[in-house]
């Protein structure tokens, strides 16, 4: 069961526990046991979430692979300084 959950998360990315149970056709209680085991071993990361979809409150456990890092944000990064030799205005040079 654990390998099936890991393969599903690799293929589909971050998912709610309810959605995983429906997709894999397993009882929710059985899935919770497997998710708890995988989380305690550090193979997946889980957090409680509350989502509002079309005015309906949905609470669940969001799960993703522990090695599946989100893509870095696009654009300028904090702490990156413009090179003074590039002719940028407003930079002091010694």
Foldseek 3Di string as FASTA:
>chain_A
DLVVLQVVCVVPPKDFLVVSCVVVVHDSVVSVVSVVVCVVVQQKDKDWDWDADPNDIDITIIIHGNVDDDDDDDDDDPPDDDDVVVPDPPDDDD
